[in-house]
Amino acid sequence: MKFIFKAKNPGGDVRLEYSNKKKQHSVTAYHKKTGKMVGYAYFVQGPDHLSADDRDGDNASWVHPDHRGKGLANKMYDHVERKSKKQIIPAEHRSGAGDKFWDKRAKHLPEDHPAHEFL
């Protein structure tokens, strides 16, 4: 399943690819012109929501430094929520960068979004 959007990234468009295999959801962002990966996020499905999947200690999400601070991680999370029809909650254990991301993301989520219960 593919969804293409224009992001405020140096060099142009980003293409998102979503995957759902055995309750493991992921999204990968590719620079449309170069084809290089510029971001990813992995999630595991719970009964009512998705949460970050650290893949045995690896980061659950990552955005290339040249693309950070431009909304790409939010676009990836929004894309997974739309495709999976499940809302994403924060992981129980987050890095400092993860805390900053969720602090910013939470400000734009509806008041009834379950993520607020975990922040």
C-alpha atoms as a PDB file:
ATOM      1  CA  MET A   1       0.000   0.000   0.000  1.00  0.00           C
ATOM      2  CA  LYS A   2       1.492   3.331  -0.962  1.00  0.00           C
ATOM      3  CA  PHE A   3       0.625   6.920  -0.198  1.00  0.00           C
ATOM      4  CA  ILE A   4       2.551   9.873  -1.559  1.00  0.00           C
ATOM      5  CA  PHE A   5       2.625  13.298   0.026  1.00  0.00           C
ATOM      6  CA  LYS A   6       4.700  16.421  -0.389  1.00  0.00           C
ATOM      7  CA  ALA A   7       6.732  17.166   2.718  1.00  0.00           C
ATOM      8  CA  LYS A   8       8.770  20.222   3.575  1.00  0.00           C
ATOM      9  CA  ASN A   9      12.018  18.358   3.016  1.00  0.00           C
ATOM     10  CA  PRO A  10      15.203  19.441   1.314  1.00  0.00           C
ATOM     11  CA  GLY A  11      15.264  18.045  -2.195  1.00  0.00           C
ATOM     12  CA  GLY A  12      11.556  17.468  -2.710  1.00  0.00           C
ATOM     13  CA  ASP A  13       8.908  14.820  -2.244  1.00  0.00           C
ATOM     14  CA  VAL A  14       8.819  11.839   0.072  1.00  0.00           C
ATOM     15  CA  ARG A  15       6.987   8.584  -0.674  1.00  0.00           C
ATOM     16  CA  LEU A  16       5.523   6.528   2.189  1.00  0.00           C
ATOM     17  CA  GLU A  17       5.138   2.747   2.099  1.00  0.00           C
ATOM     18  CA  TYR A  18       2.958   1.019   4.702  1.00  0.00           C
ATOM     19  CA  SER A  19       3.100  -2.647   5.636  1.00  0.00           C
ATOM     20  CA  ASN A  20       1.059  -4.842   7.987  1.00  0.00           C
ATOM     21  CA  LYS A  21       2.331  -8.368   8.594  1.00  0.00           C
ATOM     22  CA  LYS A  22       1.034 -10.471  11.478  1.00  0.00           C
ATOM     23  CA  LYS A  23       0.087  -7.491  13.657  1.00  0.00           C
ATOM     24  CA  GLN A  24       3.444  -5.809  12.950  1.00  0.00           C
ATOM     25  CA  HIS A  25       2.849  -2.464  11.255  1.00  0.00           C
ATOM     26  CA  SER A  26       5.516  -0.344   9.624  1.00  0.00           C
ATOM     27  CA  VAL A  27       5.974   2.710   7.462  1.00  0.00           C
ATOM     28  CA  THR A  28       9.080   3.600   5.492  1.00  0.00           C
ATOM     29  CA  ALA A  29       9.734   7.003   3.946  1.00  0.00           C
ATOM     30  CA  TYR A  30      11.794   7.276   0.767  1.00  0.00           C
ATOM     31  CA  HIS A  31      13.117  10.383  -0.931  1.00  0.00           C
ATOM     32  CA  LYS A  32      11.146  10.375  -4.159  1.00  0.00           C
ATOM     33  CA  LYS A  33      13.986  11.612  -6.393  1.00  0.00           C
ATOM     34  CA  THR A  34      16.882   9.549  -5.002  1.00  0.00           C
ATOM     35  CA  GLY A  35      14.970   6.517  -3.711  1.00  0.00           C
ATOM     36  CA  LYS A  36      16.971   6.628  -0.474  1.00  0.00           C
ATOM     37  CA  MET A  37      15.274   5.818   2.806  1.00  0.00           C
ATOM     38  CA  VAL A  38      14.822   8.942   4.930  1.00  0.00           C
ATOM     39  CA  GLY A  39      12.688   7.538   7.749  1.00  0.00           C
ATOM     40  CA  TYR A  40      10.926   4.527   9.237  1.00  0.00           C
ATOM     41  CA  ALA A  41       8.658   3.568  12.125  1.00  0.00           C
ATOM     42  CA  TYR A  42       7.672   0.143  13.481  1.00  0.00           C
ATOM     43  CA  PHE A  43       4.597  -0.623  15.566  1.00  0.00           C
ATOM     44  CA  VAL A  44       3.095  -3.638  17.278  1.00  0.00           C
ATOM     45  CA  GLN A  45      -0.671  -4.093  17.438  1.00  0.00           C
ATOM     46  CA  GLY A  46      -2.404  -4.286  20.795  1.00  0.00           C
ATOM     47  CA  PRO A  47      -6.099  -5.026  21.277  1.00  0.00           C
ATOM     48  CA  ASP A  48      -7.226  -1.431  20.766  1.00  0.00           C
ATOM     49  CA  HIS A  49      -4.192   0.482  19.556  1.00  0.00           C
ATOM     50  CA  LEU A  50      -0.673   0.388  18.131  1.00  0.00           C
ATOM     51  CA  SER A  51       2.501   1.181  20.044  1.00  0.00           C
ATOM     52  CA  ALA A  52       6.156   1.486  19.138  1.00  0.00           C
ATOM     53  CA  ASP A  53       7.965  -1.781  18.420  1.00  0.00           C
ATOM     54  CA  ASP A  54      11.624  -1.499  19.355  1.00  0.00           C
ATOM     55  CA  ARG A  55      12.645  -4.491  17.217  1.00  0.00           C
ATOM     56  CA  ASP A  56      14.843  -6.137  19.844  1.00  0.00           C
ATOM     57  CA  GLY A  57      16.464  -2.942  21.078  1.00  0.00           C
ATOM     58  CA  ASP A  58      16.687  -1.019  17.815  1.00  0.00           C
ATOM     59  CA  ASN A  59      14.951   2.325  17.485  1.00  0.00           C
ATOM     60  CA  ALA A  60      11.245   2.031  16.779  1.00  0.00           C
ATOM     61  CA  SER A  61      11.396   5.107  14.582  1.00  0.00           C
ATOM     62  CA  TRP A  62      14.034   7.182  12.868  1.00  0.00           C
ATOM     63  CA  VAL A  63      14.193  10.184  10.542  1.00  0.00           C
ATOM     64  CA  HIS A  64      17.315  11.174   8.620  1.00  0.00           C
ATOM     65  CA  PRO A  65      18.918  14.280  10.196  1.00  0.00           C
ATOM     66  CA  ASP A  66      18.348  16.325   7.011  1.00  0.00           C
ATOM     67  CA  HIS A  67      14.597  15.689   7.296  1.00  0.00           C
ATOM     68  CA  ARG A  68      14.086  16.204  11.039  1.00  0.00           C
ATOM     69  CA  GLY A  69      11.910  18.998  12.381  1.00  0.00           C
ATOM     70  CA  LYS A  70       9.813  19.172   9.216  1.00  0.00           C
ATOM     71  CA  GLY A  71       6.863  16.983  10.222  1.00  0.00           C
ATOM     72  CA  LEU A  72       7.944  13.727   8.566  1.00  0.00           C
ATOM     73  CA  ALA A  73       7.588  11.594  11.712  1.00  0.00           C
ATOM     74  CA  ASN A  74       4.073  12.980  12.268  1.00  0.00           C
ATOM     75  CA  LYS A  75       3.193  12.250   8.629  1.00  0.00           C
ATOM     76  CA  MET A  76       4.413   8.663   9.060  1.00  0.00           C
ATOM     77  CA  TYR A  77       2.425   8.179  12.283  1.00  0.00           C
ATOM     78  CA  ASP A  78      -0.712   9.737  10.745  1.00  0.00           C
ATOM     79  CA  HIS A  79      -0.331   7.490   7.699  1.00  0.00           C
ATOM     80  CA  VAL A  80      -0.135   4.345   9.852  1.00  0.00           C
ATOM     81  CA  GLU A  81      -3.192   5.414  11.870  1.00  0.00           C
ATOM     82  CA  ARG A  82      -5.183   5.929   8.657  1.00  0.00           C
ATOM     83  CA  LYS A  83      -4.096   2.658   7.058  1.00  0.00           C
ATOM     84  CA  SER A  84      -4.391   0.470  10.165  1.00  0.00           C
ATOM     85  CA  LYS A  85      -7.552   2.185  11.433  1.00  0.00           C
ATOM     86  CA  LYS A  86      -5.940   2.067  14.900  1.00  0.00           C
ATOM     87  CA  GLN A  87      -4.586   4.887  17.008  1.00  0.00           C
ATOM     88  CA  ILE A  88      -0.945   4.969  18.095  1.00  0.00           C
ATOM     89  CA  ILE A  89       0.008   5.386  21.736  1.00  0.00           C
ATOM     90  CA  PRO A  90       3.505   6.218  23.022  1.00  0.00           C
ATOM     91  CA  ALA A  91       5.847   3.390  23.956  1.00  0.00           C
ATOM     92  CA  GLU A  92       6.272   2.807  27.674  1.00  0.00           C
ATOM     93  CA  HIS A  93      10.029   3.427  27.423  1.00  0.00           C
ATOM     94  CA  ARG A  94      10.988   6.402  25.254  1.00  0.00           C
ATOM     95  CA  SER A  95      14.218   8.200  24.486  1.00  0.00           C
ATOM     96  CA  GLY A  96      14.597  11.921  25.090  1.00  0.00           C
ATOM     97  CA  ALA A  97      13.866  12.443  21.393  1.00  0.00           C
ATOM     98  CA  GLY A  98      10.756  10.268  21.753  1.00  0.00           C
ATOM     99  CA  ASP A  99       9.538  12.380  24.672  1.00  0.00           C
ATOM    100  CA  LYS A 100      10.022  15.577  22.638  1.00  0.00           C
ATOM    101  CA  PHE A 101       8.199  14.052  19.674  1.00  0.00           C
ATOM    102  CA  TRP A 102       5.190  13.028  21.785  1.00  0.00           C
ATOM    103  CA  ASP A 103       5.089  16.367  23.594  1.00  0.00           C
ATOM    104  CA  LYS A 104       4.721  18.107  20.224  1.00  0.00           C
ATOM    105  CA  ARG A 105       2.422  15.464  18.684  1.00  0.00           C
ATOM    106  CA  ALA A 106       0.033  15.441  21.649  1.00  0.00           C
ATOM    107  CA  LYS A 107      -0.749  19.132  21.153  1.00  0.00           C
ATOM    108  CA  HIS A 108      -2.328  18.338  17.782  1.00  0.00           C
ATOM    109  CA  LEU A 109      -4.248  15.186  18.730  1.00  0.00           C
ATOM    110  CA  PRO A 110      -7.951  15.242  19.602  1.00  0.00           C
ATOM    111  CA  GLU A 111      -8.657  15.347  23.336  1.00  0.00           C
ATOM    112  CA  ASP A 112     -10.138  11.830  23.257  1.00  0.00           C
ATOM    113  CA  HIS A 113      -7.059  10.269  21.600  1.00  0.00           C
ATOM    114  CA  PRO A 114      -5.746   7.457  23.858  1.00  0.00           C
ATOM    115  CA  ALA A 115      -2.150   8.739  23.622  1.00  0.00           C
ATOM    116  CA  HIS A 116      -2.967  11.418  26.218  1.00  0.00           C
ATOM    117  CA  GLU A 117      -3.399   8.707  28.879  1.00  0.00           C
ATOM    118  CA  PHE A 118       0.254   7.649  28.450  1.00  0.00           C
ATOM    119  CA  LEU A 119       1.942  11.047  28.545  1.00  0.00           C
END
